[in-house]
Amino acid sequence: MSDSRYSQMSVYELQQEIASLHEKARKAEQLGMVNEFAVLERKAIMAKAYLLNPNDYIPGEMYSIEGDPGTYFKIDYLNGVFAWGYRLSGTKQDEALPISMLTPIK
């Protein structure tokens, strides 16, 4: 694991970090280490967010949430690589999701 912050890494470093995290997650899953797997997957999602352009995500638009089929997220505003908004199902409570979890609705 690198000591660098994702925001300070190059594209190449981020890609290496993501590959490393996916490999560690795969091993954790094989060993039945569910919590470790979940943590590593979340770290990979965060690293992936830094490969994306926040300007591609538009406040007021709806996006589907990766890993949560049928759930949609409406962006209120962006702060760095986080989209703040709410899920259309449920309590409409504000939350922040890394932009790497959001897919535009076609």
N, C-alpha and C. Protein backbone atom coordinates (compact mmCIF):
# COMPACT_ATOMS: atom_id res chain seq x y z
N MET A 1 0.86 -1.20 0.00
CA MET A 1 0.00 0.00 0.00
C MET A 1 0.88 1.24 0.00
N SER A 2 0.58 2.13 -0.87
CA SER A 2 1.36 3.34 -1.01
C SER A 2 0.99 4.33 0.09
N ASP A 3 1.95 5.19 0.42
CA ASP A 3 1.70 6.22 1.42
C ASP A 3 1.12 7.48 0.79
N SER A 4 1.14 7.55 -0.55
CA SER A 4 0.64 8.74 -1.24
C SER A 4 -0.87 8.82 -1.13
N ARG A 5 -1.37 10.05 -1.16
CA ARG A 5 -2.82 10.25 -1.22
C ARG A 5 -3.23 10.07 -2.67
N TYR A 6 -4.42 9.54 -2.87
CA TYR A 6 -4.90 9.31 -4.23
C TYR A 6 -4.90 10.60 -5.05
N SER A 7 -5.22 11.72 -4.41
CA SER A 7 -5.30 13.00 -5.13
C SER A 7 -3.93 13.45 -5.64
N GLN A 8 -2.85 12.87 -5.10
CA GLN A 8 -1.51 13.28 -5.51
C GLN A 8 -0.85 12.25 -6.44
N MET A 9 -1.56 11.18 -6.75
CA MET A 9 -0.98 10.13 -7.59
C MET A 9 -1.20 10.42 -9.07
N SER A 10 -0.28 9.92 -9.89
CA SER A 10 -0.44 10.01 -11.34
C SER A 10 -1.46 8.96 -11.78
N VAL A 11 -1.91 9.07 -13.03
CA VAL A 11 -2.85 8.09 -13.58
C VAL A 11 -2.25 6.69 -13.49
N TYR A 12 -0.98 6.57 -13.86
CA TYR A 12 -0.31 5.26 -13.80
C TYR A 12 -0.29 4.71 -12.38
N GLU A 13 0.07 5.55 -11.42
CA GLU A 13 0.11 5.11 -10.01
C GLU A 13 -1.28 4.68 -9.53
N LEU A 14 -2.30 5.44 -9.92
CA LEU A 14 -3.66 5.07 -9.54
C LEU A 14 -4.05 3.73 -10.15
N GLN A 15 -3.72 3.52 -11.41
CA GLN A 15 -4.04 2.24 -12.07
C GLN A 15 -3.33 1.08 -11.38
N GLN A 16 -2.07 1.29 -10.99
CA GLN A 16 -1.32 0.25 -10.27
C GLN A 16 -1.96 -0.03 -8.91
N GLU A 17 -2.33 1.03 -8.22
CA GLU A 17 -2.97 0.90 -6.90
C GLU A 17 -4.28 0.13 -7.01
N ILE A 18 -5.10 0.46 -8.01
CA ILE A 18 -6.38 -0.22 -8.21
C ILE A 18 -6.16 -1.69 -8.50
N ALA A 19 -5.20 -2.01 -9.36
CA ALA A 19 -4.90 -3.41 -9.68
C ALA A 19 -4.45 -4.16 -8.43
N SER A 20 -3.61 -3.52 -7.63
CA SER A 20 -3.12 -4.13 -6.40
C SER A 20 -4.27 -4.36 -5.41
N LEU A 21 -5.14 -3.38 -5.26
CA LEU A 21 -6.28 -3.52 -4.35
C LEU A 21 -7.23 -4.63 -4.81
N HIS A 22 -7.48 -4.71 -6.13
CA HIS A 22 -8.35 -5.78 -6.64
C HIS A 22 -7.73 -7.16 -6.37
N GLU A 23 -6.42 -7.27 -6.54
CA GLU A 23 -5.74 -8.54 -6.28
C GLU A 23 -5.83 -8.93 -4.80
N LYS A 24 -5.58 -7.96 -3.92
CA LYS A 24 -5.68 -8.21 -2.47
C LYS A 24 -7.12 -8.58 -2.10
N ALA A 25 -8.09 -7.90 -2.71
CA ALA A 25 -9.51 -8.18 -2.44
C ALA A 25 -9.86 -9.60 -2.89
N ARG A 26 -9.35 -10.00 -4.05
CA ARG A 26 -9.61 -11.35 -4.57
C ARG A 26 -9.08 -12.40 -3.59
N LYS A 27 -7.87 -12.16 -3.09
CA LYS A 27 -7.27 -13.10 -2.12
C LYS A 27 -8.07 -13.12 -0.82
N ALA A 28 -8.49 -11.96 -0.35
CA ALA A 28 -9.28 -11.88 0.88
C ALA A 28 -10.60 -12.64 0.71
N GLU A 29 -11.20 -12.50 -0.47
CA GLU A 29 -12.46 -13.19 -0.75
C GLU A 29 -12.26 -14.70 -0.73
N GLN A 30 -11.17 -15.15 -1.34
CA GLN A 30 -10.87 -16.59 -1.37
C GLN A 30 -10.66 -17.14 0.04
N LEU A 31 -10.09 -16.31 0.91
CA LEU A 31 -9.82 -16.73 2.28
C LEU A 31 -11.03 -16.53 3.19
N GLY A 32 -12.12 -16.04 2.63
CA GLY A 32 -13.33 -15.84 3.42
C GLY A 32 -13.27 -14.64 4.34
N MET A 33 -12.37 -13.71 4.05
CA MET A 33 -12.21 -12.51 4.89
C MET A 33 -13.15 -11.42 4.34
N VAL A 34 -14.42 -11.52 4.70
CA VAL A 34 -15.47 -10.67 4.12
C VAL A 34 -15.23 -9.19 4.40
N ASN A 35 -14.90 -8.86 5.64
CA ASN A 35 -14.69 -7.44 5.99
C ASN A 35 -13.50 -6.86 5.25
N GLU A 36 -12.40 -7.60 5.21
CA GLU A 36 -11.20 -7.16 4.51
C GLU A 36 -11.50 -6.95 3.02
N PHE A 37 -12.26 -7.88 2.44
CA PHE A 37 -12.66 -7.77 1.04
C PHE A 37 -13.43 -6.47 0.81
N ALA A 38 -14.40 -6.18 1.67
CA ALA A 38 -15.23 -4.98 1.52
C ALA A 38 -14.39 -3.71 1.62
N VAL A 39 -13.45 -3.67 2.56
CA VAL A 39 -12.59 -2.50 2.74
C VAL A 39 -11.73 -2.28 1.50
N LEU A 40 -11.15 -3.34 0.98
CA LEU A 40 -10.28 -3.23 -0.19
C LEU A 40 -11.07 -2.80 -1.43
N GLU A 41 -12.28 -3.33 -1.58
CA GLU A 41 -13.13 -2.94 -2.71
C GLU A 41 -13.47 -1.45 -2.62
N ARG A 42 -13.78 -0.97 -1.40
CA ARG A 42 -14.10 0.46 -1.23
C ARG A 42 -12.90 1.34 -1.56
N LYS A 43 -11.71 0.89 -1.15
CA LYS A 43 -10.50 1.66 -1.47
C LYS A 43 -10.30 1.73 -2.98
N ALA A 44 -10.56 0.64 -3.69
CA ALA A 44 -10.41 0.62 -5.15
C ALA A 44 -11.41 1.58 -5.79
N ILE A 45 -12.63 1.61 -5.27
CA ILE A 45 -13.66 2.53 -5.79
C ILE A 45 -13.19 3.98 -5.59
N MET A 46 -12.63 4.26 -4.42
CA MET A 46 -12.13 5.62 -4.15
C MET A 46 -10.99 5.98 -5.10
N ALA A 47 -10.04 5.08 -5.28
CA ALA A 47 -8.91 5.35 -6.18
C ALA A 47 -9.42 5.59 -7.60
N LYS A 48 -10.39 4.79 -8.03
CA LYS A 48 -10.95 4.93 -9.38
C LYS A 48 -11.59 6.30 -9.57
N ALA A 49 -12.17 6.86 -8.51
CA ALA A 49 -12.82 8.18 -8.60
C ALA A 49 -11.83 9.24 -9.05
N TYR A 50 -10.56 9.09 -8.67
CA TYR A 50 -9.54 10.08 -9.03
C TYR A 50 -9.09 9.95 -10.49
N LEU A 51 -9.52 8.90 -11.18
CA LEU A 51 -9.23 8.76 -12.61
C LEU A 51 -10.31 9.44 -13.45
N LEU A 52 -11.41 9.83 -12.81
CA LEU A 52 -12.55 10.40 -13.53
C LEU A 52 -12.56 11.92 -13.42
N ASN A 53 -13.29 12.57 -14.32
CA ASN A 53 -13.40 14.02 -14.32
C ASN A 53 -14.73 14.42 -13.66
N PRO A 54 -14.68 15.09 -12.50
CA PRO A 54 -15.91 15.51 -11.83
C PRO A 54 -16.81 16.37 -12.72
N ASN A 55 -16.23 17.07 -13.70
CA ASN A 55 -17.01 17.91 -14.59
C ASN A 55 -17.95 17.10 -15.48
N ASP A 56 -17.73 15.79 -15.56
CA ASP A 56 -18.60 14.92 -16.35
C ASP A 56 -19.89 14.57 -15.60
N TYR A 57 -19.97 14.97 -14.33
CA TYR A 57 -21.13 14.65 -13.49
C TYR A 57 -21.89 15.94 -13.23
N ILE A 58 -23.18 15.92 -13.54
CA ILE A 58 -23.96 17.16 -13.58
C ILE A 58 -24.99 17.23 -12.45
N PRO A 59 -24.89 18.27 -11.60
CA PRO A 59 -25.91 18.46 -10.56
C PRO A 59 -27.30 18.54 -11.19
N GLY A 60 -28.27 17.92 -10.53
CA GLY A 60 -29.63 17.87 -11.03
C GLY A 60 -29.92 16.64 -11.87
N GLU A 61 -28.85 15.96 -12.33
CA GLU A 61 -29.01 14.76 -13.14
C GLU A 61 -29.13 13.52 -12.24
N MET A 62 -29.69 12.45 -12.82
CA MET A 62 -29.82 11.18 -12.11
C MET A 62 -28.81 10.19 -12.64
N TYR A 63 -28.33 9.35 -11.75
CA TYR A 63 -27.34 8.33 -12.09
C TYR A 63 -27.74 7.03 -11.41
N SER A 64 -27.39 5.92 -12.05
CA SER A 64 -27.58 4.64 -11.37
C SER A 64 -26.35 4.41 -10.49
N ILE A 65 -26.53 3.63 -9.43
CA ILE A 65 -25.45 3.37 -8.47
C ILE A 65 -24.87 1.99 -8.75
N GLU A 66 -23.57 1.98 -9.04
CA GLU A 66 -22.87 0.72 -9.30
C GLU A 66 -22.97 -0.17 -8.06
N GLY A 67 -23.33 -1.42 -8.25
CA GLY A 67 -23.44 -2.35 -7.14
C GLY A 67 -24.77 -2.28 -6.41
N ASP A 68 -25.66 -1.42 -6.87
CA ASP A 68 -26.98 -1.31 -6.25
C ASP A 68 -28.02 -1.16 -7.37
N PRO A 69 -28.27 -2.27 -8.10
CA PRO A 69 -29.15 -2.21 -9.27
C PRO A 69 -30.54 -1.69 -8.93
N GLY A 70 -31.06 -0.87 -9.82
CA GLY A 70 -32.40 -0.34 -9.63
C GLY A 70 -32.48 0.84 -8.69
N THR A 71 -31.36 1.26 -8.14
CA THR A 71 -31.33 2.42 -7.24
C THR A 71 -30.73 3.60 -7.98
N TYR A 72 -31.38 4.74 -7.87
CA TYR A 72 -30.92 5.93 -8.58
C TYR A 72 -30.55 7.02 -7.59
N PHE A 73 -29.59 7.83 -8.03
CA PHE A 73 -29.02 8.88 -7.18
C PHE A 73 -29.11 10.20 -7.93
N LYS A 74 -29.66 11.22 -7.27
CA LYS A 74 -29.74 12.56 -7.87
C LYS A 74 -28.66 13.43 -7.24
N ILE A 75 -27.81 14.00 -8.08
CA ILE A 75 -26.72 14.85 -7.58
C ILE A 75 -27.24 16.25 -7.29
N ASP A 76 -26.94 16.74 -6.08
CA ASP A 76 -27.23 18.13 -5.74
C ASP A 76 -26.01 19.01 -6.06
N TYR A 77 -24.83 18.54 -5.65
CA TYR A 77 -23.60 19.28 -5.95
C TYR A 77 -22.41 18.34 -5.83
N LEU A 78 -21.27 18.80 -6.34
CA LEU A 78 -20.04 18.02 -6.27
C LEU A 78 -19.04 18.72 -5.37
N ASN A 79 -18.25 17.91 -4.68
CA ASN A 79 -17.16 18.42 -3.86
C ASN A 79 -15.98 17.50 -4.13
N GLY A 80 -15.06 17.93 -4.97
CA GLY A 80 -13.94 17.07 -5.37
C GLY A 80 -14.47 15.89 -6.17
N VAL A 81 -14.10 14.67 -5.76
CA VAL A 81 -14.56 13.47 -6.47
C VAL A 81 -15.80 12.86 -5.81
N PHE A 82 -16.45 13.64 -4.95
CA PHE A 82 -17.67 13.17 -4.30
C PHE A 82 -18.89 13.90 -4.86
N ALA A 83 -19.92 13.13 -5.15
CA ALA A 83 -21.21 13.70 -5.55
C ALA A 83 -22.11 13.67 -4.31
N TRP A 84 -22.62 14.82 -3.95
CA TRP A 84 -23.56 14.93 -2.83
C TRP A 84 -24.96 14.96 -3.39
N GLY A 85 -25.85 14.21 -2.78
CA GLY A 85 -27.23 14.17 -3.22
C GLY A 85 -28.00 13.14 -2.43
N TYR A 86 -28.95 12.49 -3.09
CA TYR A 86 -29.76 11.51 -2.37
C TYR A 86 -30.24 10.42 -3.31
N ARG A 87 -30.52 9.26 -2.70
CA ARG A 87 -31.11 8.14 -3.44
C ARG A 87 -32.60 8.42 -3.61
N LEU A 88 -33.13 8.08 -4.77
CA LEU A 88 -34.54 8.35 -5.02
C LEU A 88 -35.44 7.45 -4.19
N SER A 89 -34.95 6.26 -3.88
CA SER A 89 -35.71 5.39 -2.98
C SER A 89 -35.32 5.73 -1.56
N GLY A 90 -36.18 5.46 -0.62
CA GLY A 90 -35.79 5.65 0.77
C GLY A 90 -36.07 7.03 1.31
N THR A 91 -35.22 7.47 2.24
CA THR A 91 -35.50 8.64 3.07
C THR A 91 -35.12 9.96 2.42
N LYS A 92 -34.51 9.93 1.25
CA LYS A 92 -34.01 11.14 0.57
C LYS A 92 -33.01 11.89 1.47
N GLN A 93 -32.30 11.14 2.28
CA GLN A 93 -31.30 11.72 3.16
C GLN A 93 -30.04 12.03 2.34
N ASP A 94 -29.45 13.21 2.58
CA ASP A 94 -28.22 13.59 1.88
C ASP A 94 -27.10 12.61 2.18
N GLU A 95 -26.36 12.26 1.14
CA GLU A 95 -25.16 11.45 1.32
C GLU A 95 -24.19 11.77 0.21
N ALA A 96 -22.94 11.38 0.41
CA ALA A 96 -21.91 11.60 -0.60
C ALA A 96 -21.46 10.25 -1.12
N LEU A 97 -21.34 10.15 -2.45
CA LEU A 97 -20.83 8.94 -3.08
C LEU A 97 -19.65 9.32 -3.97
N PRO A 98 -18.61 8.47 -4.00
CA PRO A 98 -17.54 8.73 -4.97
C PRO A 98 -18.12 8.67 -6.38
N ILE A 99 -17.69 9.55 -7.27
CA ILE A 99 -18.25 9.59 -8.61
C ILE A 99 -18.04 8.27 -9.36
N SER A 100 -17.07 7.49 -8.94
CA SER A 100 -16.80 6.20 -9.60
C SER A 100 -17.93 5.20 -9.36
N MET A 101 -18.83 5.49 -8.43
CA MET A 101 -19.98 4.60 -8.18
C MET A 101 -21.19 4.97 -9.02
N LEU A 102 -21.10 6.09 -9.75
CA LEU A 102 -22.27 6.60 -10.49
C LEU A 102 -22.13 6.37 -11.99
N THR A 103 -23.21 5.89 -12.58
CA THR A 103 -23.25 5.66 -14.03
C THR A 103 -24.39 6.47 -14.60
N PRO A 104 -24.11 7.27 -15.65
CA PRO A 104 -25.20 8.06 -16.25
C PRO A 104 -26.30 7.14 -16.76
N ILE A 105 -27.54 7.58 -16.63
CA ILE A 105 -28.67 6.82 -17.14
C ILE A 105 -28.80 7.14 -18.62
N LYS A 106 -28.76 6.12 -19.42
CA LYS A 106 -28.81 6.32 -20.88
C LYS A 106 -30.21 6.63 -21.34
